[in-house]
Amino acid sequence: MKKKILLGLGAVAIVIAGVASFSAWEAHIINVTAHIENALAVTPDALNFGTVFPQEYLLSDPFTVGLSTSFLAQTDAHRVDYVIKQKTKCICTEDGVREGLCKEGDYAPVGWDTHSCPQGYTAMLSLCPYLSKVSLDDNTISHPSYFQGEYCYPAVERHYSSDLNYSATGWAGHSCPEGTYAVGGGVIENEHSMGPQGIAEPGAVIGGETYPEFPHWTFSEGETGYVAQNGGTAQTCKIYVDCMTIVPDASGILTLGVNNSHSWTVDLKVPPFAGYVGQDWPAGCPVLMDAEPTGTDMGCDLWIEVTNINRNSTD
């Protein structure tokens, strides 16, 4: 086998040498260029529910996902497929303020490639499980509210790990049960700071580690959850992961000249705090277990991501 490999490499070297000997006599240049534009335009870029109260129901102003001016002006593409994903929102920490690390302001999104908060930020308590994404337009798939009046979809469930004995920079994770999908998570009962952490899902890179294999925690095919690395001081703490029985993504298809835009709304049914649950709150509906009953900030980012651009005018 080694001899065959060596002969192969020798043959390649001979061909390259032959090409080089002829290339000196003439040259041909192929000029390759591309002009990149966004396919979608999204307005507005923020939805702020402000101060809300337990068990209150709120409906956002609409936001629009539409074909961009550049896409509307071109002639060789006609359809854009997109998905609306929920991801962790990050908030600047006291250390981040003190050390001048929060370059993006009070809040920041996770890195598109790392799924982790930037330096100086930490993950907010997740608002994602309590949000819907609903459109009445054609060629859309909505994600309905978990709250259905007299009951809740058995979709938002929080699962806790056992006590995790972290080494200084150790890793640990916790998975959603089979048939459910991670939409949030975090670390509790920690006395010291944590390192990179985030939702472990296909495509996620967290702290330089790539799904599905993280140190001390490997996810099986299709399994999702939450992973976290310690921040430098050995400690004992727990990981929790919020799971849903339905995929929380919404999606749409925009077709040039047919439906150039979609209008979406987001609703929020605010869950109550543990120990302060009203009598009309349906059994089995979520409660906020790890939040203070006053002054709790929660957040969620909605990412509108293009999944396909179709250049075939027949589809």
Protein backbone atom coordinates (compact mmCIF):
# COMPACT_ATOMS: atom_id res chain seq x y z
CA MET A 1 0.00 0.00 0.00
CA LYS A 2 2.81 2.43 0.80
CA LYS A 3 4.44 1.76 -2.58
CA LYS A 4 1.21 2.60 -4.39
CA ILE A 5 0.89 5.86 -2.50
CA LEU A 6 4.43 6.88 -3.40
CA LEU A 7 3.90 6.08 -7.07
CA GLY A 8 0.71 8.11 -7.05
CA LEU A 9 2.44 11.14 -5.56
CA GLY A 10 5.22 10.78 -8.14
CA ALA A 11 2.71 10.76 -10.97
CA VAL A 12 1.07 13.89 -9.65
CA ALA A 13 4.44 15.63 -9.45
CA ILE A 14 5.19 14.76 -13.08
CA VAL A 15 1.88 16.17 -14.29
CA ILE A 16 2.39 19.40 -12.36
CA ALA A 17 5.87 19.78 -13.80
CA GLY A 18 4.48 19.27 -17.29
CA VAL A 19 1.86 21.95 -16.80
CA ALA A 20 4.46 24.38 -15.47
CA SER A 21 6.71 23.89 -18.52
CA PHE A 22 3.92 24.89 -20.93
CA SER A 23 2.39 27.70 -18.84
CA ALA A 24 5.33 30.02 -19.45
CA TRP A 25 4.39 30.44 -23.15
CA GLU A 26 0.98 32.05 -22.63
CA ALA A 27 -1.45 33.09 -19.89
CA HIS A 28 -5.22 33.34 -19.66
CA ILE A 29 -7.04 35.18 -16.86
CA ILE A 30 -10.55 34.42 -15.66
CA ASN A 31 -11.85 37.39 -13.69
CA VAL A 32 -14.06 36.17 -10.82
CA THR A 33 -16.21 38.72 -8.97
CA ALA A 34 -19.35 38.71 -6.84
CA HIS A 35 -21.50 41.42 -5.32
CA ILE A 36 -23.10 40.39 -2.03
CA GLU A 37 -26.39 41.82 -0.80
CA ASN A 38 -28.89 40.81 1.89
CA ALA A 39 -31.88 38.90 0.55
CA LEU A 40 -34.19 39.96 3.41
CA ALA A 41 -35.13 43.18 5.17
CA VAL A 42 -36.50 42.96 8.73
CA THR A 43 -38.24 45.85 10.53
CA PRO A 44 -38.20 46.81 13.31
CA ASP A 45 -35.08 45.27 14.84
CA ALA A 46 -36.30 45.23 18.46
CA LEU A 47 -39.45 44.27 20.40
CA ASN A 48 -39.54 45.59 23.96
CA PHE A 49 -42.35 44.45 26.24
CA GLY A 50 -41.05 46.73 29.01
CA THR A 51 -42.19 46.07 32.57
CA VAL A 52 -44.60 43.13 32.74
CA PHE A 53 -46.40 41.31 35.51
CA PRO A 54 -46.99 37.63 36.32
CA GLN A 55 -49.77 35.98 34.29
CA GLU A 56 -50.19 39.10 32.14
CA TYR A 57 -50.81 38.56 28.41
CA LEU A 58 -49.17 40.90 25.91
CA LEU A 59 -49.06 41.07 22.13
CA SER A 60 -46.20 42.77 20.31
CA ASP A 61 -46.49 45.24 17.48
CA PRO A 62 -46.03 43.42 14.16
CA PHE A 63 -42.62 42.98 12.64
CA THR A 64 -42.09 42.46 8.94
CA VAL A 65 -39.85 40.02 7.09
CA GLY A 66 -39.65 41.07 3.46
CA LEU A 67 -37.54 40.75 0.35
CA SER A 68 -34.79 43.36 0.33
CA THR A 69 -34.61 46.20 -2.20
CA SER A 70 -31.64 44.46 -3.80
CA PHE A 71 -33.52 41.18 -4.16
CA LEU A 72 -36.57 42.91 -5.63
CA ALA A 73 -34.33 44.53 -8.25
CA GLN A 74 -32.60 41.38 -9.51
CA THR A 75 -33.95 39.09 -12.23
CA ASP A 76 -32.32 35.67 -11.74
CA ALA A 77 -33.74 34.61 -8.35
CA HIS A 78 -37.33 34.53 -7.23
CA ARG A 79 -37.77 32.75 -3.88
CA VAL A 80 -36.28 33.02 -0.39
CA ASP A 81 -36.88 30.45 2.37
CA TYR A 82 -36.21 31.55 5.94
CA VAL A 83 -36.57 30.35 9.51
CA ILE A 84 -37.10 32.27 12.77
CA LYS A 85 -34.95 30.77 15.52
CA GLN A 86 -34.82 31.57 19.22
CA LYS A 87 -31.42 32.09 20.81
CA THR A 88 -29.98 33.18 24.14
CA LYS A 89 -29.77 36.91 24.85
CA CYS A 90 -26.74 38.24 26.73
CA ILE A 91 -26.50 41.02 29.30
CA CYS A 92 -23.42 42.97 30.38
CA THR A 93 -22.03 41.88 33.75
CA GLU A 94 -20.64 44.10 36.52
CA ASP A 95 -17.16 42.90 35.62
CA GLY A 96 -17.89 43.71 31.99
CA VAL A 97 -18.83 47.28 32.92
CA ARG A 98 -15.84 47.71 35.23
CA GLU A 99 -13.36 46.38 32.67
CA GLY A 100 -14.92 48.14 29.68
CA LEU A 101 -15.67 44.87 27.88
CA CYS A 102 -19.28 45.48 26.84
CA LYS A 103 -18.62 47.05 23.46
CA GLU A 104 -22.14 46.32 22.17
CA GLY A 105 -23.96 48.09 25.00
CA ASP A 106 -26.14 46.61 27.75
CA TYR A 107 -27.21 43.65 25.61
CA ALA A 108 -25.59 41.51 22.95
CA PRO A 109 -26.47 38.42 20.89
CA VAL A 110 -24.56 35.18 21.15
CA GLY A 111 -21.86 34.63 18.56
CA TRP A 112 -23.23 33.19 15.33
CA ASP A 113 -20.43 30.62 15.27
CA THR A 114 -19.95 29.98 19.00
CA HIS A 115 -23.53 30.27 20.34
CA SER A 116 -21.85 31.80 23.43
CA CYS A 117 -22.05 35.26 24.97
CA PRO A 118 -19.22 37.70 24.14
CA GLN A 119 -16.59 38.46 26.75
CA GLY A 120 -18.04 40.65 29.49
CA TYR A 121 -21.60 39.36 29.02
CA THR A 122 -23.59 36.53 30.55
CA ALA A 123 -26.72 34.69 29.45
CA MET A 124 -29.98 36.26 30.60
CA LEU A 125 -32.77 34.24 32.15
CA SER A 126 -34.52 32.95 29.05
CA LEU A 127 -37.76 34.47 27.83
CA CYS A 128 -37.72 32.22 24.75
CA PRO A 129 -39.99 29.41 26.03
CA TYR A 130 -42.82 31.87 26.65
CA LEU A 131 -42.90 33.54 23.22
CA SER A 132 -44.97 32.68 20.14
CA LYS A 133 -44.21 33.64 16.53
CA VAL A 134 -47.43 33.88 14.54
CA SER A 135 -48.20 34.95 10.99
CA LEU A 136 -51.53 34.76 9.18
CA ASP A 137 -49.90 35.22 5.77
CA ASP A 138 -49.64 32.49 3.15
CA ASN A 139 -46.57 30.25 3.02
CA THR A 140 -45.72 30.58 6.70
CA ILE A 141 -45.51 28.09 9.57
CA SER A 142 -46.22 29.66 12.96
CA HIS A 143 -45.10 28.63 16.41
CA PRO A 144 -48.15 29.12 18.65
CA SER A 145 -48.25 30.28 22.24
CA TYR A 146 -47.67 27.64 24.90
CA PHE A 147 -50.63 29.10 26.83
CA GLN A 148 -54.01 27.93 25.59
CA GLY A 149 -56.34 29.47 28.17
CA GLU A 150 -57.43 26.51 30.28
CA TYR A 151 -54.24 24.53 29.71
CA CYS A 152 -50.68 24.81 28.43
CA TYR A 153 -49.02 22.75 25.77
CA PRO A 154 -46.83 20.21 27.57
CA ALA A 155 -44.01 21.90 25.70
CA VAL A 156 -42.07 24.00 28.19
CA GLU A 157 -40.36 21.81 30.73
CA ARG A 158 -37.32 22.57 32.86
CA HIS A 159 -34.94 19.74 33.69
CA TYR A 160 -32.19 19.94 36.30
CA SER A 161 -28.95 18.03 36.52
CA SER A 162 -27.71 16.48 39.72
CA ASP A 163 -24.94 18.29 41.62
CA LEU A 164 -21.99 18.71 39.28
CA ASN A 165 -18.51 18.78 40.79
CA TYR A 166 -16.64 21.03 38.40
CA SER A 167 -12.86 21.14 38.21
CA ALA A 168 -11.35 24.58 37.57
CA THR A 169 -12.03 24.51 33.82
CA GLY A 170 -14.14 21.38 33.59
CA TRP A 171 -17.16 20.82 31.39
CA ALA A 172 -20.59 19.33 32.00
CA GLY A 173 -23.91 19.14 30.20
CA HIS A 174 -27.51 18.14 30.58
CA SER A 175 -29.81 16.79 27.85
CA CYS A 176 -33.48 17.19 27.02
CA PRO A 177 -35.55 13.99 27.15
CA GLU A 178 -36.12 12.16 23.90
CA GLY A 179 -38.67 13.88 21.69
CA THR A 180 -38.05 17.35 23.13
CA TYR A 181 -35.79 20.21 22.04
CA ALA A 182 -33.65 22.64 24.04
CA VAL A 183 -34.72 26.28 23.89
CA GLY A 184 -32.80 27.65 26.87
CA GLY A 185 -30.78 26.78 29.91
CA GLY A 186 -28.31 27.99 32.47
CA VAL A 187 -26.26 27.31 35.58
CA ILE A 188 -27.56 27.68 39.13
CA GLU A 189 -26.16 27.40 42.64
CA ASN A 190 -22.71 28.43 41.40
CA GLU A 191 -20.57 30.52 43.74
CA HIS A 192 -17.95 31.42 41.15
CA SER A 193 -18.09 32.62 37.55
CA MET A 194 -18.67 30.25 34.67
CA GLY A 195 -16.95 30.07 31.30
CA PRO A 196 -18.52 29.48 27.86
CA GLN A 197 -21.99 27.98 27.91
CA GLY A 198 -24.97 27.64 25.63
CA ILE A 199 -27.59 25.51 23.92
CA ALA A 200 -26.06 22.38 22.43
CA GLU A 201 -27.76 21.77 19.09
CA PRO A 202 -26.65 20.86 15.56
CA GLY A 203 -24.19 23.47 14.33
CA ALA A 204 -23.33 24.85 17.78
CA VAL A 205 -19.72 25.70 18.64
CA ILE A 206 -19.35 26.58 22.33
CA GLY A 207 -16.01 27.50 23.85
CA GLY A 208 -14.23 26.06 20.83
CA GLU A 209 -16.00 22.71 21.17
CA THR A 210 -18.34 21.55 18.43
CA TYR A 211 -21.68 19.76 18.79
CA PRO A 212 -22.26 16.86 19.39
CA GLU A 213 -19.01 16.18 21.28
CA PHE A 214 -18.16 18.28 24.32
CA PRO A 215 -15.67 17.33 27.05
CA HIS A 216 -17.36 14.83 29.39
CA TRP A 217 -20.67 15.12 27.54
CA THR A 218 -21.52 13.75 24.07
CA PHE A 219 -24.96 14.15 22.52
CA SER A 220 -26.52 11.40 20.45
CA GLU A 221 -27.93 12.15 16.99
CA GLY A 222 -30.76 14.69 17.20
CA GLU A 223 -30.37 15.16 20.97
CA THR A 224 -30.11 18.70 22.31
CA GLY A 225 -29.39 20.22 25.70
CA TYR A 226 -27.21 22.71 27.54
CA VAL A 227 -23.46 22.63 28.24
CA ALA A 228 -21.22 24.85 30.33
CA GLN A 229 -17.53 25.14 31.16
CA ASN A 230 -16.36 26.30 34.55
CA GLY A 231 -14.71 29.70 34.85
CA GLY A 232 -11.48 28.85 36.64
CA THR A 233 -12.38 27.96 40.23
CA ALA A 234 -13.49 24.47 41.25
CA GLN A 235 -17.08 24.45 42.50
CA THR A 236 -20.29 22.45 42.75
CA CYS A 237 -23.39 23.65 40.89
CA LYS A 238 -26.22 22.49 38.65
CA ILE A 239 -27.23 22.88 35.02
CA TYR A 240 -30.83 23.31 33.93
CA VAL A 241 -32.22 23.05 30.42
CA ASP A 242 -35.59 24.26 29.13
CA CYS A 243 -37.14 21.82 26.67
CA MET A 244 -40.13 21.89 24.33
CA THR A 245 -42.03 19.03 22.78
CA ILE A 246 -42.42 20.93 19.52
CA VAL A 247 -39.66 22.57 17.52
CA PRO A 248 -39.82 26.27 18.48
CA ASP A 249 -38.83 27.52 15.02
CA ALA A 250 -41.24 29.35 12.75
CA SER A 251 -40.60 29.68 9.02
CA GLY A 252 -41.73 31.31 5.80
CA ILE A 253 -41.28 31.36 2.03
CA LEU A 254 -41.27 34.65 0.13
CA THR A 255 -41.84 34.53 -3.63
CA LEU A 256 -41.05 37.52 -5.82
CA GLY A 257 -44.23 39.13 -7.15
CA VAL A 258 -46.47 36.74 -5.17
CA ASN A 259 -45.79 37.55 -1.53
CA ASN A 260 -42.91 39.95 -1.07
CA SER A 261 -43.29 40.21 2.71
CA HIS A 262 -44.77 38.54 5.77
CA SER A 263 -46.12 40.18 8.91
CA TRP A 264 -45.40 38.45 12.24
CA THR A 265 -46.51 39.05 15.81
CA VAL A 266 -45.06 37.75 19.06
CA ASP A 267 -47.15 37.15 22.15
CA LEU A 268 -45.97 36.79 25.73
CA LYS A 269 -47.93 35.08 28.46
CA VAL A 270 -45.86 35.93 31.52
CA PRO A 271 -45.43 32.93 33.84
CA PRO A 272 -45.77 33.49 37.59
CA PHE A 273 -43.01 33.18 40.16
CA ALA A 274 -42.83 30.03 42.24
CA GLY A 275 -44.64 30.64 45.51
CA TYR A 276 -46.76 33.43 44.03
CA VAL A 277 -48.98 31.48 41.63
CA GLY A 278 -52.55 32.70 41.12
CA GLN A 279 -55.40 30.24 41.60
CA ASP A 280 -56.46 30.58 37.96
CA TRP A 281 -53.05 29.43 36.66
CA PRO A 282 -53.65 26.01 35.04
CA ALA A 283 -51.94 23.03 36.59
CA GLY A 284 -48.94 21.96 34.57
CA CYS A 285 -48.23 25.42 33.20
CA PRO A 286 -44.67 26.74 33.80
CA VAL A 287 -43.60 28.84 36.76
CA LEU A 288 -40.36 30.78 37.23
CA MET A 289 -38.36 28.63 39.61
CA ASP A 290 -35.01 30.40 39.58
CA ALA A 291 -35.96 34.06 39.53
CA GLU A 292 -36.45 36.70 42.18
CA PRO A 293 -40.13 37.72 42.53
CA THR A 294 -39.23 41.36 41.85
CA GLY A 295 -36.88 43.05 39.42
CA THR A 296 -36.12 40.05 37.19
CA ASP A 297 -34.89 40.82 33.67
CA MET A 298 -35.46 38.17 31.00
CA GLY A 299 -34.61 38.17 27.32
CA CYS A 300 -34.60 36.27 24.04
CA ASP A 301 -33.24 36.97 20.57
CA LEU A 302 -35.13 36.02 17.42
CA TRP A 303 -32.79 35.24 14.53
CA ILE A 304 -34.28 35.39 11.03
CA GLU A 305 -32.01 33.16 8.94
CA VAL A 306 -32.15 32.51 5.19
CA THR A 307 -32.12 28.77 4.51
CA ASN A 308 -32.50 28.73 0.72
CA ILE A 309 -32.54 31.02 -2.33
CA ASN A 310 -34.22 29.51 -5.37
CA ARG A 311 -33.10 30.55 -8.85
CA ASN A 312 -35.43 28.17 -10.68
CA SER A 313 -38.44 30.13 -11.89
CA THR A 314 -40.57 26.99 -12.05
CA ASP A 315 -40.48 26.30 -8.27
